[in-house]
Protein backbone atom coordinates (compact mmCIF):
# COMPACT_ATOMS: atom_id res chain seq x y z
CA UNK A 1 50.66 -35.08 -97.82
CA UNK A 2 52.43 -34.37 -94.50
CA UNK A 3 50.86 -32.95 -91.34
CA UNK A 4 52.73 -30.82 -88.91
CA UNK A 5 52.18 -31.31 -85.07
CA UNK A 6 52.70 -29.03 -82.25
CA UNK A 7 56.25 -28.46 -81.01
CA UNK A 8 56.80 -30.02 -77.95
CA UNK A 9 58.28 -26.82 -76.51
CA UNK A 10 55.01 -24.81 -77.00
CA UNK A 11 53.33 -28.10 -75.42
CA UNK A 12 55.07 -27.57 -72.19
CA UNK A 13 54.72 -23.70 -72.01
CA UNK A 14 50.99 -23.93 -72.29
CA UNK A 15 50.90 -26.48 -69.29
CA UNK A 16 53.37 -24.25 -67.43
CA UNK A 17 50.96 -21.30 -67.59
CA UNK A 18 48.01 -23.46 -66.75
CA UNK A 19 49.85 -24.88 -63.50
CA UNK A 20 50.63 -20.98 -62.59
CA UNK A 21 47.03 -20.20 -62.98
CA UNK A 22 46.06 -23.14 -60.87
CA UNK A 23 48.78 -22.26 -58.23
CA UNK A 24 47.37 -18.37 -58.23
CA UNK A 25 43.89 -19.47 -57.71
CA UNK A 26 44.72 -21.80 -54.99
CA UNK A 27 46.85 -19.25 -53.27
CA UNK A 28 44.08 -16.68 -53.52
CA UNK A 29 41.68 -19.36 -51.94
CA UNK A 30 44.26 -20.12 -49.34
CA UNK A 31 44.43 -16.46 -48.52
CA UNK A 32 40.79 -15.98 -48.44
CA UNK A 33 40.28 -18.92 -46.11
CA UNK A 34 43.17 -17.60 -44.00
CA UNK A 35 41.16 -14.31 -43.08
CA UNK A 36 37.86 -16.30 -43.02
CA UNK A 37 39.42 -18.60 -40.40
CA UNK A 38 41.23 -16.05 -38.46
CA UNK A 39 40.02 -16.27 -34.81
CA UNK A 40 39.54 -12.43 -34.60
CA UNK A 41 37.23 -12.57 -37.67
CA UNK A 42 35.21 -15.59 -36.29
CA UNK A 43 35.13 -13.69 -32.80
CA UNK A 44 33.83 -10.47 -34.56
CA UNK A 45 30.85 -12.24 -36.18
CA UNK A 46 29.40 -13.05 -32.95
CA UNK A 47 30.61 -9.45 -31.17
CA UNK A 48 28.85 -6.55 -31.59
CA UNK A 49 29.50 -2.77 -30.48
CA UNK A 50 32.92 -1.83 -29.45
CA UNK A 51 33.97 -5.32 -29.39
CA UNK A 52 33.42 -6.10 -32.83
CA UNK A 53 35.13 -2.86 -33.93
CA UNK A 54 38.24 -3.95 -32.06
CA UNK A 55 38.23 -7.41 -33.28
CA UNK A 56 37.75 -6.17 -36.80
CA UNK A 57 40.33 -3.66 -36.83
CA UNK A 58 42.86 -6.34 -35.71
CA UNK A 59 41.70 -8.65 -38.71
CA UNK A 60 42.30 -5.30 -41.15
CA UNK A 61 45.78 -5.03 -39.76
CA UNK A 62 46.57 -8.92 -40.47
CA UNK A 63 44.79 -8.83 -43.98
CA UNK A 64 44.88 -5.00 -45.10
CA UNK A 65 44.05 -5.97 -48.81
CA UNK A 66 40.59 -7.66 -47.89
CA UNK A 67 37.94 -5.30 -49.08
CA UNK A 68 35.08 -7.31 -47.19
CA UNK A 69 37.21 -6.82 -43.94
CA UNK A 70 37.18 -3.03 -44.21
CA UNK A 71 33.37 -3.13 -45.28
CA UNK A 72 32.53 -5.06 -42.20
CA UNK A 73 34.91 -2.77 -40.22
CA UNK A 74 32.97 0.42 -41.51
CA UNK A 75 29.76 -1.28 -40.49
CA UNK A 76 30.79 -1.86 -37.09
CA UNK A 77 32.32 1.53 -36.53
CA UNK A 78 28.73 3.14 -38.05
CA UNK A 79 26.99 1.00 -35.28
CA UNK A 80 28.86 2.75 -32.49
CA UNK A 81 28.28 5.97 -34.00
CA UNK A 82 31.87 6.75 -35.09
CA UNK A 83 30.74 8.13 -38.49
CA UNK A 84 34.25 9.62 -39.50
CA UNK A 85 36.20 6.30 -38.91
CA UNK A 86 33.20 4.32 -40.48
CA UNK A 87 33.48 6.85 -43.76
CA UNK A 88 37.32 5.98 -44.18
CA UNK A 89 36.65 2.49 -43.72
CA UNK A 90 34.04 2.63 -46.56
CA UNK A 91 36.53 4.63 -48.73
CA UNK A 92 38.84 1.98 -48.13
CA UNK A 93 36.66 -0.79 -49.13
CA UNK A 94 35.78 1.00 -52.42
CA UNK A 95 39.56 1.26 -53.37
CA UNK A 96 39.94 -2.36 -53.14
CA UNK A 97 37.23 -3.08 -55.16
CA UNK A 98 34.15 -3.70 -52.88
CA UNK A 99 30.59 -3.75 -54.57
CA UNK A 100 30.24 -0.27 -55.27
CA UNK A 101 26.43 0.26 -54.86
CA UNK A 102 26.78 -1.12 -51.36
CA UNK A 103 29.63 0.87 -50.25
CA UNK A 104 28.44 4.35 -51.76
CA UNK A 105 25.14 3.72 -49.92
CA UNK A 106 27.02 3.31 -46.60
CA UNK A 107 29.18 6.37 -47.40
CA UNK A 108 26.05 8.48 -47.95
CA UNK A 109 24.64 7.26 -44.55
CA UNK A 110 27.98 8.41 -42.94
CA UNK A 111 28.18 11.60 -44.95
CA UNK A 112 24.47 12.33 -43.91
CA UNK A 113 25.10 11.70 -40.08
CA UNK A 114 28.30 14.17 -40.39
CA UNK A 115 25.72 16.49 -42.33
CA UNK A 116 27.90 16.77 -45.29
CA UNK A 117 24.26 16.40 -47.27
CA UNK A 118 25.83 17.77 -50.63
CA UNK A 119 28.42 14.77 -50.45
CA UNK A 120 25.70 12.35 -49.33
CA UNK A 121 23.70 13.15 -52.15
CA UNK A 122 26.25 12.45 -54.66
CA UNK A 123 27.48 9.35 -52.98
CA UNK A 124 23.70 7.87 -53.16
CA UNK A 125 23.36 9.17 -56.75
CA UNK A 126 26.44 6.96 -57.71
CA UNK A 127 24.84 4.05 -55.96
CA UNK A 128 21.57 4.27 -57.74
CA UNK A 129 23.83 4.34 -60.92
CA UNK A 130 25.20 0.85 -60.08
CA UNK A 131 21.87 -0.56 -58.71
CA UNK A 132 18.73 1.63 -59.62
CA UNK A 133 16.31 -0.60 -57.59
CA UNK A 134 18.30 0.09 -54.32
CA UNK A 135 15.63 1.23 -51.90
CA UNK A 136 18.14 2.44 -49.25
CA UNK A 137 19.73 4.53 -51.67
CA UNK A 138 16.63 6.07 -52.99
CA UNK A 139 15.39 6.71 -49.56
CA UNK A 140 18.79 8.42 -48.64
CA UNK A 141 18.76 10.46 -51.84
CA UNK A 142 15.41 11.89 -50.80
CA UNK A 143 16.30 12.63 -47.38
CA UNK A 144 19.70 14.00 -48.54
CA UNK A 145 17.75 16.50 -51.00
CA UNK A 146 15.33 17.31 -47.96
CA UNK A 147 18.25 18.28 -45.68
CA UNK A 148 19.44 20.71 -48.27
CA UNK A 149 16.37 22.60 -48.05
CA UNK A 150 15.23 21.27 -51.31
CA UNK A 151 11.46 19.79 -50.40
CA UNK A 152 10.08 20.28 -53.95
CA UNK A 153 12.73 18.09 -55.38
CA UNK A 154 12.13 15.39 -52.52
CA UNK A 155 8.89 15.35 -52.53
CA UNK A 156 8.07 13.02 -55.43
CA UNK A 157 10.71 10.57 -54.31
CA UNK A 158 9.29 10.30 -50.90
CA UNK A 159 5.77 9.92 -52.75
CA UNK A 160 6.96 6.99 -54.58
CA UNK A 161 8.47 5.55 -51.37
CA UNK A 162 5.22 6.24 -49.40
CA UNK A 163 3.46 3.90 -51.46
CA UNK A 164 5.25 0.91 -50.53
CA UNK A 165 3.80 -1.59 -48.13
CA UNK A 166 6.85 -2.15 -45.66
CA UNK A 167 8.93 -0.30 -43.18
CA UNK A 168 10.56 2.15 -45.96
CA UNK A 169 6.86 3.15 -46.91
CA UNK A 170 6.32 3.87 -43.14
CA UNK A 171 9.20 5.97 -42.63
CA UNK A 172 8.64 7.92 -45.95
CA UNK A 173 5.22 8.95 -44.78
CA UNK A 174 6.55 11.16 -42.22
CA UNK A 175 9.02 12.59 -44.58
CA UNK A 176 6.35 13.12 -47.15
CA UNK A 177 4.28 15.13 -44.62
CA UNK A 178 7.28 17.49 -44.00
CA UNK A 179 8.07 18.04 -47.55
CA UNK A 180 4.30 19.00 -48.27
CA UNK A 181 4.53 21.26 -45.34
CA UNK A 182 7.63 22.98 -46.53
CA UNK A 183 6.13 23.54 -49.71
CA UNK A 184 2.96 25.04 -48.39
CA UNK A 185 0.58 22.25 -49.23
CA UNK A 186 -0.82 22.37 -45.64
CA UNK A 187 -4.11 20.40 -46.72
CA UNK A 188 -2.45 17.57 -47.73
CA UNK A 189 0.17 17.62 -44.93
CA UNK A 190 -2.60 17.48 -42.50
CA UNK A 191 -4.10 14.49 -44.34
CA UNK A 192 -1.00 12.59 -44.18
CA UNK A 193 -0.32 13.79 -40.59
CA UNK A 194 -3.73 12.41 -39.46
CA UNK A 195 -3.21 9.13 -41.04
CA UNK A 196 -0.18 8.81 -38.96
CA UNK A 197 -1.69 10.21 -35.97
CA UNK A 198 -4.60 7.27 -35.98
CA UNK A 199 -1.68 4.78 -36.22
CA UNK A 200 -0.09 6.31 -32.84
CA UNK A 201 -2.64 8.30 -31.22
CA UNK A 202 -0.35 8.77 -28.21
CA UNK A 203 2.31 10.29 -30.14
CA UNK A 204 2.65 13.76 -29.17
CA UNK A 205 5.04 14.91 -31.60
CA UNK A 206 2.89 13.76 -34.49
CA UNK A 207 -0.30 15.49 -32.76
CA UNK A 208 2.06 18.58 -32.60
CA UNK A 209 2.80 18.49 -36.47
CA UNK A 210 -0.86 17.80 -37.22
CA UNK A 211 -1.90 20.96 -35.36
CA UNK A 212 0.55 23.00 -37.14
CA UNK A 213 -0.66 21.77 -40.55
CA UNK A 214 -4.30 22.29 -39.74
CA UNK A 215 -3.69 25.80 -38.53
CA UNK A 216 -1.80 26.49 -41.70
CA UNK A 217 -4.91 24.97 -43.69
CA UNK A 218 -7.03 27.26 -41.85
CA UNK A 219 -8.91 24.08 -40.07
CA UNK A 220 -8.98 26.21 -36.76
CA UNK A 221 -11.46 24.32 -34.62
CA UNK A 222 -9.53 20.99 -35.34
CA UNK A 223 -5.91 22.86 -34.77
CA UNK A 224 -7.38 23.94 -31.52
CA UNK A 225 -8.30 20.42 -30.32
CA UNK A 226 -4.79 19.13 -31.14
CA UNK A 227 -2.88 21.95 -29.77
CA UNK A 228 -4.79 21.54 -26.56
CA UNK A 229 -4.00 17.90 -26.48
CA UNK A 230 -0.24 18.63 -26.66
CA UNK A 231 -0.15 21.32 -24.49
CA UNK A 232 -1.88 19.09 -21.85
CA UNK A 233 0.22 15.94 -22.59
CA UNK A 234 3.59 17.23 -23.73
CA UNK A 235 5.77 19.54 -21.15
CA UNK A 236 8.56 20.04 -23.58
CA UNK A 237 6.12 21.71 -26.14
CA UNK A 238 3.72 23.17 -23.56
CA UNK A 239 4.58 26.63 -24.50
CA UNK A 240 4.55 26.27 -28.22
CA UNK A 241 1.13 24.40 -28.22
CA UNK A 242 -0.30 27.29 -25.68
CA UNK A 243 0.66 29.77 -28.20
CA UNK A 244 -1.12 27.77 -31.02
CA UNK A 245 -4.35 27.59 -28.68
CA UNK A 246 -4.21 31.24 -28.59
CA UNK A 247 -3.43 31.48 -32.47
CA UNK A 248 -6.41 29.02 -33.27
CA UNK A 249 -8.81 31.13 -31.13
CA UNK A 250 -7.86 34.07 -32.86
CA UNK A 251 -8.47 32.56 -36.04
CA UNK A 252 -11.98 31.62 -35.14
CA UNK A 253 -12.65 35.32 -34.04
CA UNK A 254 -12.77 34.40 -30.30
CA UNK A 255 -10.37 37.30 -29.43
CA UNK A 256 -11.10 37.40 -25.55
CA UNK A 257 -10.16 33.62 -25.27
CA UNK A 258 -7.47 33.97 -27.44
CA UNK A 259 -5.88 36.94 -25.21
CA UNK A 260 -6.33 34.65 -22.05
CA UNK A 261 -4.60 31.77 -23.90
CA UNK A 262 -1.87 34.17 -25.07
CA UNK A 263 -1.44 35.22 -21.21
CA UNK A 264 -1.33 31.41 -20.18
CA UNK A 265 1.94 30.88 -22.08
CA UNK A 266 3.93 32.63 -19.46
CA UNK A 267 5.85 36.09 -18.81
CA UNK A 268 9.22 34.96 -18.98
CA UNK A 269 11.59 35.76 -22.04
CA UNK A 270 11.54 32.58 -24.27
CA UNK A 271 10.71 32.89 -27.89
CA UNK A 272 7.38 31.44 -27.60
CA UNK A 273 6.55 33.85 -24.74
CA UNK A 274 7.74 36.87 -26.68
CA UNK A 275 5.68 36.03 -29.48
CA UNK A 276 2.64 35.37 -27.25
CA UNK A 277 3.12 38.72 -25.72
CA UNK A 278 3.38 40.29 -29.27
CA UNK A 279 0.59 38.37 -30.54
CA UNK A 280 -1.96 39.67 -27.37
CA UNK A 281 -0.76 43.22 -27.77
CA UNK A 282 -1.52 43.38 -31.51
CA UNK A 283 -4.88 41.39 -30.88
CA UNK A 284 -5.71 43.96 -28.27
CA UNK A 285 -4.27 46.89 -29.97
CA UNK A 286 -3.52 50.20 -28.27
CA UNK A 287 -6.98 52.01 -26.99
CA UNK A 288 -5.63 55.53 -27.14
CA UNK A 289 -2.99 57.27 -29.63
CA UNK A 290 -1.63 60.48 -29.66
CA UNK A 291 0.49 62.05 -32.57
CA UNK A 292 2.04 65.38 -33.41
CA UNK A 293 4.24 65.86 -36.41
CA UNK A 294 6.33 69.17 -37.55
CA UNK A 295 7.72 69.36 -40.75
CA UNK A 296 9.81 72.37 -42.34
CA UNK A 297 10.83 72.56 -45.80
CA UNK A 298 11.05 74.36 -49.17
CA UNK A 299 10.38 73.71 -52.81
CA UNK A 300 12.50 74.66 -55.83
CA UNK A 301 11.87 74.48 -59.36
CA UNK A 302 10.07 75.70 -62.63
CA UNK A 303 6.66 75.79 -63.98
CA UNK A 304 6.11 76.18 -67.78
CA UNK A 305 2.92 77.20 -68.81
CA UNK A 306 1.63 75.81 -72.44
CA UNK A 307 -0.69 78.65 -73.48
CA UNK A 308 2.27 81.34 -73.50
CA UNK A 309 5.31 78.93 -72.83
CA UNK A 310 6.35 81.41 -69.96
CA UNK A 311 8.39 80.03 -67.61
CA UNK A 312 7.90 80.87 -63.60
CA UNK A 313 10.88 80.25 -60.92
CA UNK A 314 9.84 78.54 -57.95
CA UNK A 315 11.18 78.68 -54.35
CA UNK A 316 8.55 78.63 -51.65
CA UNK A 317 9.51 77.77 -47.67
CA UNK A 318 6.79 76.11 -45.74
CA UNK A 319 5.82 74.90 -42.37
CA UNK A 320 3.37 72.03 -42.03
CA UNK A 321 1.75 70.51 -38.91
CA UNK A 322 -0.20 67.19 -38.37
CA UNK A 323 -1.92 66.33 -34.50
CA UNK A 324 -3.89 63.36 -34.12
CA UNK A 325 -5.90 62.12 -31.19
CA UNK A 326 -8.03 58.95 -31.52
CA UNK A 327 -9.35 56.29 -28.88
CA UNK A 328 -11.19 53.20 -28.71
CA UNK A 329 -14.40 53.65 -26.83
CA UNK A 330 -16.03 50.10 -27.42
CA UNK A 331 -14.45 46.61 -27.83
CA UNK A 332 -16.17 43.35 -28.02
CA UNK A 333 -15.19 40.23 -30.38
CA UNK A 334 -17.45 41.36 -32.90
CA UNK A 335 -17.01 45.23 -33.08
CA UNK A 336 -14.51 47.94 -32.27
CA UNK A 337 -15.82 51.58 -31.92
CA UNK A 338 -13.16 54.48 -32.34
CA UNK A 339 -13.62 58.27 -31.93
CA UNK A 340 -10.98 60.58 -33.20
CA UNK A 341 -10.09 64.00 -34.47
CA UNK A 342 -7.45 65.55 -36.76
CA UNK A 343 -5.81 68.92 -37.51
CA UNK A 344 -3.43 69.54 -40.43
CA UNK A 345 -1.87 73.12 -41.24
CA UNK A 346 0.34 74.22 -44.13
CA UNK A 347 1.86 77.57 -43.80
CA UNK A 348 3.90 79.64 -46.38
CA UNK A 349 5.77 82.54 -44.34
CA UNK A 350 7.08 84.37 -47.32
CA UNK A 351 4.39 84.02 -50.12
CA UNK A 352 1.38 85.22 -47.69
CA UNK A 353 -1.17 83.33 -49.49
CA UNK A 354 -2.15 79.64 -49.90
CA UNK A 355 -2.34 79.04 -46.43
CA UNK A 356 -4.42 75.95 -45.91
CA UNK A 357 -5.93 74.53 -42.62
CA UNK A 358 -8.08 71.50 -42.13
CA UNK A 359 -9.78 69.92 -38.99
CA UNK A 360 -11.51 66.61 -38.98
CA UNK A 361 -13.81 64.54 -36.38
CA UNK A 362 -14.48 61.06 -37.05
CA UNK A 363 -16.24 57.83 -35.74
CA UNK A 364 -15.47 54.28 -36.92
CA UNK A 365 -16.83 50.65 -36.58
CA UNK A 366 -14.59 48.17 -37.00
CA UNK A 367 -15.90 44.33 -37.30
CA UNK A 368 -12.60 42.08 -37.06
CA UNK A 369 -12.49 38.55 -39.05
CA UNK A 370 -15.48 38.91 -41.08
CA UNK A 371 -15.58 35.46 -43.27
CA UNK A 372 -12.57 35.92 -45.38
CA UNK A 373 -11.55 39.36 -44.64
CA UNK A 374 -9.25 40.61 -41.84
CA UNK A 375 -11.51 43.27 -41.22
CA UNK A 376 -14.50 45.52 -42.27
CA UNK A 377 -14.57 49.09 -41.54
CA UNK A 378 -17.55 51.91 -41.74
CA UNK A 379 -16.23 55.50 -41.05
CA UNK A 380 -17.88 58.50 -40.74
CA UNK A 381 -16.05 61.84 -41.21
CA UNK A 382 -16.81 65.26 -40.87
CA UNK A 383 -14.17 67.75 -42.55
CA UNK A 384 -13.86 71.50 -42.53
CA UNK A 385 -10.79 73.18 -44.25
CA UNK A 386 -9.74 76.99 -44.50
CA UNK A 387 -7.56 78.68 -47.19
CA UNK A 388 -6.14 82.07 -46.71
CA UNK A 389 -7.93 81.95 -43.42
CA UNK A 390 -11.40 81.75 -45.10
CA UNK A 391 -13.77 79.06 -45.36
CA UNK A 392 -12.92 76.66 -48.32
CA UNK A 393 -14.55 73.44 -47.89
CA UNK A 394 -16.98 71.38 -45.64
CA UNK A 395 -17.72 67.83 -46.36
CA UNK A 396 -19.57 64.81 -44.66
CA UNK A 397 -18.28 61.18 -45.72
CA UNK A 398 -19.19 57.83 -45.22
CA UNK A 399 -16.67 55.22 -46.05
CA UNK A 400 -17.09 51.27 -46.10
CA UNK A 401 -14.08 49.26 -46.84
CA UNK A 402 -12.57 45.54 -46.56
CA UNK A 403 -9.20 44.19 -45.86
CA UNK A 404 -7.97 41.09 -47.04
CA UNK A 405 -4.53 39.60 -46.07
CA UNK A 406 -2.88 36.29 -47.11
CA UNK A 407 0.94 35.82 -46.57
CA UNK A 408 2.95 39.02 -47.74
CA UNK A 409 0.00 40.37 -49.79
CA UNK A 410 -2.64 42.89 -48.57
CA UNK A 411 -5.40 44.32 -50.15
CA UNK A 412 -8.14 47.01 -49.20
CA UNK A 413 -10.69 48.34 -51.18
CA UNK A 414 -14.26 50.19 -50.62
CA UNK A 415 -16.55 52.81 -51.66
CA UNK A 416 -16.51 56.29 -50.16
CA UNK A 417 -19.55 58.73 -50.43
CA UNK A 418 -20.19 62.21 -49.36
CA UNK A 419 -21.47 65.45 -49.90
CA UNK A 420 -19.26 68.98 -49.77
CA UNK A 421 -19.37 72.55 -50.19
CA UNK A 422 -16.73 74.68 -51.79
CA UNK A 423 -16.43 78.34 -51.19
CA UNK A 424 -13.48 79.33 -53.04
CA UNK A 425 -15.25 81.23 -56.13
CA UNK A 426 -17.65 83.88 -56.79
CA UNK A 427 -20.30 81.32 -56.38
CA UNK A 428 -20.13 78.26 -54.24
CA UNK A 429 -19.76 74.81 -55.74
CA UNK A 430 -21.63 71.78 -53.93
CA UNK A 431 -22.65 68.32 -54.80
CA UNK A 432 -22.37 64.65 -53.87
CA UNK A 433 -19.67 62.72 -54.97
CA UNK A 434 -18.44 58.89 -54.81
CA UNK A 435 -15.42 56.90 -55.09
CA UNK A 436 -14.18 53.50 -55.29
CA UNK A 437 -10.81 52.78 -54.33
CA UNK A 438 -8.40 49.93 -53.85
CA UNK A 439 -4.89 49.45 -52.41
CA UNK A 440 -2.69 46.47 -52.81
CA UNK A 441 0.60 45.99 -51.11
CA UNK A 442 3.09 43.08 -51.26
CA UNK A 443 6.04 42.94 -49.12
CA UNK A 444 8.88 41.36 -51.31
CA UNK A 445 11.19 38.56 -49.89
CA UNK A 446 13.99 41.29 -49.12
CA UNK A 447 14.73 43.15 -46.20
CA UNK A 448 11.78 46.21 -45.65
CA UNK A 449 11.06 46.36 -49.45
CA UNK A 450 7.20 46.80 -50.45
CA UNK A 451 5.67 47.42 -53.88
CA UNK A 452 2.24 49.24 -53.86
CA UNK A 453 -0.35 49.78 -56.37
CA UNK A 454 -3.17 52.10 -55.67
CA UNK A 455 -6.11 53.34 -57.74
CA UNK A 456 -9.44 55.42 -57.39
CA UNK A 457 -12.29 56.44 -59.53
CA UNK A 458 -14.00 59.53 -58.33
CA UNK A 459 -17.19 61.17 -59.67
CA UNK A 460 -19.06 64.27 -58.48
CA UNK A 461 -22.36 65.49 -59.65
CA UNK A 462 -24.88 68.24 -58.93
CA UNK A 463 -27.37 70.50 -60.63
CA UNK A 464 -24.39 73.07 -61.46
CA UNK A 465 -22.27 71.96 -64.25
CA UNK A 466 -19.19 73.46 -62.65
CA UNK A 467 -19.57 70.98 -59.84
CA UNK A 468 -19.34 67.92 -62.04
CA UNK A 469 -16.18 66.01 -62.58
CA UNK A 470 -14.98 62.66 -63.38
CA UNK A 471 -11.85 61.48 -62.22
CA UNK A 472 -9.40 58.43 -62.71
CA UNK A 473 -6.08 57.99 -60.90
CA UNK A 474 -3.51 55.17 -60.55
CA UNK A 475 -0.39 55.32 -58.39
CA UNK A 476 2.54 52.56 -58.74
CA UNK A 477 5.07 52.72 -55.94
CA UNK A 478 8.34 50.92 -54.72
CA UNK A 479 9.81 51.60 -51.67
CA UNK A 480 13.00 50.07 -50.31
CA UNK A 481 15.56 50.16 -47.16
CA UNK A 482 18.57 51.10 -48.84
CA UNK A 483 20.82 50.96 -45.66
CA UNK A 484 20.04 51.18 -42.15
CA UNK A 485 18.07 54.23 -41.56
CA UNK A 486 18.24 55.21 -45.37
CA UNK A 487 15.00 54.62 -47.55
CA UNK A 488 14.05 55.14 -51.00
CA UNK A 489 10.91 55.62 -52.92
CA UNK A 490 9.92 55.62 -56.54
CA UNK A 491 6.25 56.44 -57.53
CA UNK A 492 4.73 56.66 -60.87
CA UNK A 493 1.05 58.68 -60.75
CA UNK A 494 -1.46 58.77 -63.93
CA UNK A 495 -4.52 60.84 -63.37
CA UNK A 496 -7.15 62.14 -65.76
CA UNK A 497 -10.23 64.51 -64.76
CA UNK A 498 -12.98 65.06 -67.31
CA UNK A 499 -15.00 68.06 -66.13
CA UNK A 500 -16.56 71.40 -67.51
CA UNK A 501 -14.38 74.15 -66.48
CA UNK A 502 -15.32 76.43 -63.71
CA UNK A 503 -15.04 79.56 -66.25
CA UNK A 504 -18.15 77.95 -68.08
CA UNK A 505 -20.23 79.20 -65.39
CA UNK A 506 -18.61 82.71 -65.51
CA UNK A 507 -18.78 82.80 -69.23
CA UNK A 508 -15.37 81.32 -70.14
CA UNK A 509 -14.20 78.47 -72.18
CA UNK A 510 -14.91 75.37 -71.09
CA UNK A 511 -12.08 72.88 -70.61
CA UNK A 512 -13.44 69.27 -71.36
CA UNK A 513 -10.63 67.19 -69.57
CA UNK A 514 -7.00 67.58 -68.28
CA UNK A 515 -4.63 64.56 -67.75
CA UNK A 516 -1.72 64.64 -65.25
CA UNK A 517 1.39 62.46 -65.51
CA UNK A 518 3.97 62.48 -62.54
CA UNK A 519 7.00 60.86 -61.69
CA UNK A 520 8.38 61.14 -58.04
CA UNK A 521 11.58 60.10 -56.63
CA UNK A 522 12.45 60.38 -52.94
CA UNK A 523 15.34 59.56 -50.57
CA UNK A 524 14.42 59.66 -46.98
CA UNK A 525 16.41 59.30 -43.82
CA UNK A 526 14.69 57.91 -40.74
CA UNK A 527 16.16 57.78 -37.25
CA UNK A 528 14.10 56.77 -34.36
CA UNK A 529 15.88 58.62 -31.23
CA UNK A 530 13.57 57.47 -28.73
CA UNK A 531 10.63 54.75 -28.67
CA UNK A 532 8.01 57.65 -29.09
CA UNK A 533 10.39 60.14 -30.89
CA UNK A 534 11.36 60.03 -34.55
CA UNK A 535 13.32 62.38 -37.22
CA UNK A 536 13.27 62.36 -40.43
CA UNK A 537 15.15 64.24 -43.51
CA UNK A 538 13.71 63.56 -47.22
CA UNK A 539 14.52 64.84 -50.72
CA UNK A 540 11.85 64.58 -52.93
CA UNK A 541 12.12 65.27 -56.94
CA UNK A 542 8.77 65.57 -59.10
CA UNK A 543 8.11 65.75 -62.47
CA UNK A 544 4.65 66.60 -63.39
CA UNK A 545 3.22 67.08 -67.06
CA UNK A 546 -0.45 68.23 -67.63
CA UNK A 547 -2.52 69.62 -70.58
CA UNK A 548 -2.08 73.31 -69.31
CA UNK A 549 1.61 73.08 -67.76
CA UNK A 550 4.71 71.09 -67.07
CA UNK A 551 6.17 71.37 -63.22
CA UNK A 552 9.57 70.10 -62.24
CA UNK A 553 10.97 71.03 -58.95
CA UNK A 554 12.37 69.32 -55.97
CA UNK A 555 11.59 69.34 -51.98
CA UNK A 556 13.65 69.33 -48.96
CA UNK A 557 12.29 68.73 -45.85
CA UNK A 558 13.04 67.99 -42.34
CA UNK A 559 10.57 66.19 -40.10
CA UNK A 560 10.22 65.54 -36.44
CA UNK A 561 7.51 63.53 -35.03
CA UNK A 562 6.07 62.26 -31.77
CA UNK A 563 3.74 59.32 -31.31
CA UNK A 564 2.56 58.14 -27.97
CA UNK A 565 0.23 54.96 -27.80
CA UNK A 566 -1.21 53.75 -24.63
């Protein structure tokens, strides 16, 4: 059998290719040796700062295709805080094929310094795709998320980094405290800041952040201690710390000391000085208040009576007057005593009936900062009313209420008991009555928008069956600022009354209950002409449906008011 041997030509070709490959490798090795042996490169290894940048820039001009040269140049430029030039050098190193994880991490650091945080986040994520174990990239990504106001996303990353027993873990602790504070986990934030203060007790910045976290966690006594330390040892944060001294004292219910602390902030026009004056004014309140309000308007609409389906037109002009005078006659940390008087009048000049006038005198005891409540209030009121210039009602009432406030939410609830006499029928109606009420308000995260839900349950009892009544009412309202001084309001009301009719006493047919449904829409223009004087125009549409009749009408009104507090 004959065997075939490779052709000599093919043998020579293979040898030629091998020689070329070895020649290329040798050339590449010589080129690499050339830039590593370059005097500027060697000098750059020993230099730092601007001198290193200058040397490496010369090497990059001699060897523009070397990725390591551009990477080292970027590091030197980063060291002299030339973030833009460093970013361009790292981009060039990436283009020439330098290690992507390392270069992208450096790019992220430059972008973070330039406050281009979304791009920094992208660079760090690309670095982690190439090297998931890169602690530098992980820390940078968490910081980029935090700097984009995403503390919730950054929090778990900093929590994991903070568990490390190295410099990265120590650096992550501070960022972790920031994230916890921004996500309103104030108690945990205070714990982290306490640990950091223990490591560096003389660091006033850490004590300042601890004071704020303790205050938010309602640990007022400890917040007071830290705020006083910062006020004494850190001149740069002295105003802010003195403000928090006042706020902590206010939280503890030590109002007189709080006012003195607010006064110590100063009388200038800085942000903290203005805030301290505002807080002191709100804390002290105005001891006297006078109010006078005059309203002119008219109602138009129709009333449909269910019994005979009759329709009655309605157009009533009216004048309304309200006056108030009240003053605080006693003030201590534990008790405020107020005295006041009110007058209300409603006059229909064309109808010549249904004119209504009411006068009231009141005495109120206010107990600030009692337990979890912002205030407790005890109020006695004597009220006397006239209808068509004849005695209509006389009432003595005692009201006990509590108010709780947390952030944008405010709740007030209480009990009102009283005794009243009505003189509107052939025989008078009288009896004791009690009412439980609650009022919830939430300031929505919009400019001057509020949601309000109110309800009450009333019961009147007496020996006369005509005086007995059980009432329930719920109101839901949404008020919004539509544009500058233009406001809108939408309110829905449900009311149910259970009582024997007054006709039963007079021999008529009793009515067992009455249910009202009302939908009210309002547009109002409020304009403050002067500090104490305001002008309002409003239009209200109301639809009311009850067992006996249906009402649908609109109300136009012009209102001028004067309020003066001193």
